[in-house]
C-alpha atoms as a PDB file:
ATOM      1  CA  MET A   1       3.858 -27.094   7.321  1.00  0.00           C
ATOM      2  CA  TYR A   2       2.817 -23.580   7.317  1.00  0.00           C
ATOM      3  CA  PRO A   3       0.152 -22.092   9.407  1.00  0.00           C
ATOM      4  CA  SER A   4      -3.231 -21.168   7.877  1.00  0.00           C
ATOM      5  CA  TYR A   5      -4.254 -18.078   6.516  1.00  0.00           C
ATOM      6  CA  ASP A   6      -6.479 -17.205   9.380  1.00  0.00           C
ATOM      7  CA  LYS A   7      -3.490 -18.362  11.898  1.00  0.00           C
ATOM      8  CA  SER A   8      -1.090 -15.971  10.006  1.00  0.00           C
ATOM      9  CA  LYS A   9      -3.802 -12.940  10.164  1.00  0.00           C
ATOM     10  CA  LYS A  10      -4.135 -13.429  13.978  1.00  0.00           C
ATOM     11  CA  ARG A  11      -0.379 -13.591  14.177  1.00  0.00           C
ATOM     12  CA  CYS A  12      -0.184 -10.210  12.308  1.00  0.00           C
ATOM     13  CA  LYS A  13      -3.021  -8.612  14.403  1.00  0.00           C
ATOM     14  CA  ALA A  14      -1.008  -9.831  17.719  1.00  0.00           C
ATOM     15  CA  ALA A  15       2.017  -8.300  16.332  1.00  0.00           C
ATOM     16  CA  ARG A  16       0.646  -5.197  15.801  1.00  0.00           C
ATOM     17  CA  LYS A  17      -1.235  -4.886  19.002  1.00  0.00           C
ATOM     18  CA  THR A  18       2.173  -5.689  20.518  1.00  0.00           C
ATOM     19  CA  LEU A  19       4.149  -3.026  18.464  1.00  0.00           C
ATOM     20  CA  THR A  20       1.480  -0.270  19.347  1.00  0.00           C
ATOM     21  CA  ASN A  21       1.608  -1.311  23.133  1.00  0.00           C
ATOM     22  CA  VAL A  22       5.495  -0.909  23.112  1.00  0.00           C
ATOM     23  CA  VAL A  23       5.288   2.335  21.445  1.00  0.00           C
ATOM     24  CA  PRO A  24       1.798   3.878  21.402  1.00  0.00           C
ATOM     25  CA  ASP A  25       2.788   7.070  19.910  1.00  0.00           C
ATOM     26  CA  LEU A  26       5.954   7.391  17.384  1.00  0.00           C
ATOM     27  CA  GLU A  27       6.751  10.863  18.902  1.00  0.00           C
ATOM     28  CA  LYS A  28       7.885   8.997  22.286  1.00  0.00           C
ATOM     29  CA  ILE A  29      10.814   6.785  20.538  1.00  0.00           C
ATOM     30  CA  ASP A  30      13.915   7.724  18.641  1.00  0.00           C
ATOM     31  CA  GLU A  31      17.452   7.061  18.417  1.00  0.00           C
ATOM     32  CA  ASN A  32      17.936   8.782  21.845  1.00  0.00           C
ATOM     33  CA  SER A  33      15.427   6.501  23.729  1.00  0.00           C
ATOM     34  CA  PRO A  34      16.751   4.487  26.481  1.00  0.00           C
ATOM     35  CA  LEU A  35      18.643   1.306  25.197  1.00  0.00           C
ATOM     36  CA  GLU A  36      15.804  -1.413  26.699  1.00  0.00           C
ATOM     37  CA  GLN A  37      13.028   0.683  24.888  1.00  0.00           C
ATOM     38  CA  ARG A  38      14.671   0.732  21.507  1.00  0.00           C
ATOM     39  CA  VAL A  39      15.276  -3.119  21.760  1.00  0.00           C
ATOM     40  CA  GLU A  40      11.807  -3.762  22.326  1.00  0.00           C
ATOM     41  CA  PHE A  41      10.638  -1.560  19.813  1.00  0.00           C
ATOM     42  CA  VAL A  42      12.812  -3.102  17.094  1.00  0.00           C
ATOM     43  CA  LYS A  43      11.921  -6.596  18.163  1.00  0.00           C
ATOM     44  CA  ALA A  44       8.120  -5.756  17.750  1.00  0.00           C
ATOM     45  CA  PHE A  45       8.557  -4.298  14.816  1.00  0.00           C
ATOM     46  CA  GLN A  46      10.332  -7.184  13.336  1.00  0.00           C
ATOM     47  CA  GLU A  47       7.798  -9.287  14.376  1.00  0.00           C
ATOM     48  CA  LEU A  48       5.110  -7.234  12.818  1.00  0.00           C
ATOM     49  CA  ASN A  49       7.181  -7.230   9.647  1.00  0.00           C
ATOM     50  CA  ASN A  50       7.873 -10.967   9.454  1.00  0.00           C
ATOM     51  CA  ALA A  51       3.789 -11.762  10.220  1.00  0.00           C
ATOM     52  CA  TYR A  52       2.988  -9.538   7.512  1.00  0.00           C
ATOM     53  CA  GLU A  53       5.594 -10.963   4.723  1.00  0.00           C
ATOM     54  CA  SER A  54       4.401 -14.279   5.757  1.00  0.00           C
ATOM     55  CA  LEU A  55       0.461 -12.972   5.234  1.00  0.00           C
ATOM     56  CA  VAL A  56       1.227 -11.613   1.769  1.00  0.00           C
ATOM     57  CA  THR A  57       1.876 -15.085   0.621  1.00  0.00           C
ATOM     58  CA  TYR A  58      -1.527 -16.250   0.661  1.00  0.00           C
ATOM     59  CA  ASP A  59      -3.838 -15.837  -2.163  1.00  0.00           C
ATOM     60  CA  ASP A  60      -6.786 -14.723   0.208  1.00  0.00           C
ATOM     61  CA  TYR A  61      -4.685 -11.664   1.119  1.00  0.00           C
ATOM     62  CA  ASN A  62      -5.338  -9.565  -2.054  1.00  0.00           C
ATOM     63  CA  ASP A  63      -9.308 -10.175  -1.538  1.00  0.00           C
ATOM     64  CA  ASP A  64      -8.899  -9.350   2.110  1.00  0.00           C
ATOM     65  CA  MET A  65      -6.847  -6.103   1.504  1.00  0.00           C
ATOM     66  CA  GLU A  66      -9.488  -4.550  -0.514  1.00  0.00           C
ATOM     67  CA  THR A  67     -12.172  -5.388   1.848  1.00  0.00           C
ATOM     68  CA  SER A  68     -10.836  -5.592   5.419  1.00  0.00           C
ATOM     69  CA  LYS A  69      -9.921  -2.120   7.155  1.00  0.00           C
ATOM     70  CA  ALA A  70      -8.183  -3.930  10.029  1.00  0.00           C
ATOM     71  CA  LEU A  71      -5.489  -5.337   7.555  1.00  0.00           C
ATOM     72  CA  GLN A  72      -5.596  -2.032   5.957  1.00  0.00           C
ATOM     73  CA  GLU A  73      -4.644  -0.351   9.261  1.00  0.00           C
ATOM     74  CA  GLN A  74      -1.862  -2.997   9.783  1.00  0.00           C
ATOM     75  CA  VAL A  75      -0.133  -2.110   6.522  1.00  0.00           C
ATOM     76  CA  LYS A  76      -0.608   1.545   7.615  1.00  0.00           C
ATOM     77  CA  THR A  77       1.156   0.881  10.995  1.00  0.00           C
ATOM     78  CA  LEU A  78       4.258  -0.789   9.327  1.00  0.00           C
ATOM     79  CA  GLU A  79       4.339   2.178   6.765  1.00  0.00           C
ATOM     80  CA  ASN A  80       4.074   4.755   9.614  1.00  0.00           C
ATOM     81  CA  TYR A  81       6.488   3.017  11.753  1.00  0.00           C
ATOM     82  CA  LEU A  82       9.161   1.974   9.115  1.00  0.00           C
ATOM     83  CA  GLY A  83      11.156   5.368   9.275  1.00  0.00           C
ATOM     84  CA  VAL A  84      11.550   5.536  13.144  1.00  0.00           C
ATOM     85  CA  TYR A  85      12.315   1.600  12.711  1.00  0.00           C
ATOM     86  CA  ASN A  86      15.314   2.219  10.584  1.00  0.00           C
ATOM     87  CA  ALA A  87      16.675   5.397  12.564  1.00  0.00           C
ATOM     88  CA  VAL A  88      16.201   3.238  15.958  1.00  0.00           C
ATOM     89  CA  LYS A  89      17.844   0.083  14.457  1.00  0.00           C
ATOM     90  CA  GLY A  90      20.635   2.324  12.942  1.00  0.00           C
ATOM     91  CA  SER A  91      21.429   3.829  16.565  1.00  0.00           C
ATOM     92  CA  LEU A  92      21.336   0.265  17.892  1.00  0.00           C
ATOM     93  CA  MET A  93      23.969  -0.942  15.273  1.00  0.00           C
ATOM     94  CA  GLU A  94      26.164   2.285  15.982  1.00  0.00           C
ATOM     95  CA  GLU A  95      26.211   1.603  19.444  1.00  0.00           C
ATOM     96  CA  GLU A  96      27.360  -2.135  18.904  1.00  0.00           C
ATOM     97  CA  GLY A  97      30.099  -1.059  16.467  1.00  0.00           C
ATOM     98  CA  GLU A  98      31.554   1.333  19.237  1.00  0.00           C
ATOM     99  CA  GLY A  99      32.221  -1.324  21.222  1.00  0.00           C
ATOM    100  CA  GLY A 100      29.425  -1.209  23.996  1.00  0.00           C
ATOM    101  CA  GLU A 101      27.992  -4.052  25.434  1.00  0.00           C
ATOM    102  CA  ALA A 102      27.084  -7.129  23.381  1.00  0.00           C
ATOM    103  CA  GLU A 103      23.463  -6.315  22.123  1.00  0.00           C
ATOM    104  CA  PRO A 104      21.341  -8.555  19.958  1.00  0.00           C
ATOM    105  CA  ASP A 105      21.994  -8.763  16.239  1.00  0.00           C
ATOM    106  CA  PHE A 106      19.440  -6.600  14.602  1.00  0.00           C
ATOM    107  CA  SER A 107      20.692  -7.135  10.913  1.00  0.00           C
END
């Protein structure tokens, strides 16, 4: 059974908070950041992205998107972090391909 729309919104809000706690300033993370920080960032971004993708499947989403500043901020966070996420994820995948230590699968 799928969660309610309200539970999905709470999940999305919590995921955004986690992401902005892990990396409050986008200028503080890039492909040269410490491995652990990059892994935490990728996982937090993926959770927010998954929560958002789940949220948009509900009919109520479109109505809320027009009126909810919080929801608009969550979408803006995704958009702002996307480029950094792709660069950081790419750096992790490159390291994995170089035969370094076994890293989590981010694909």
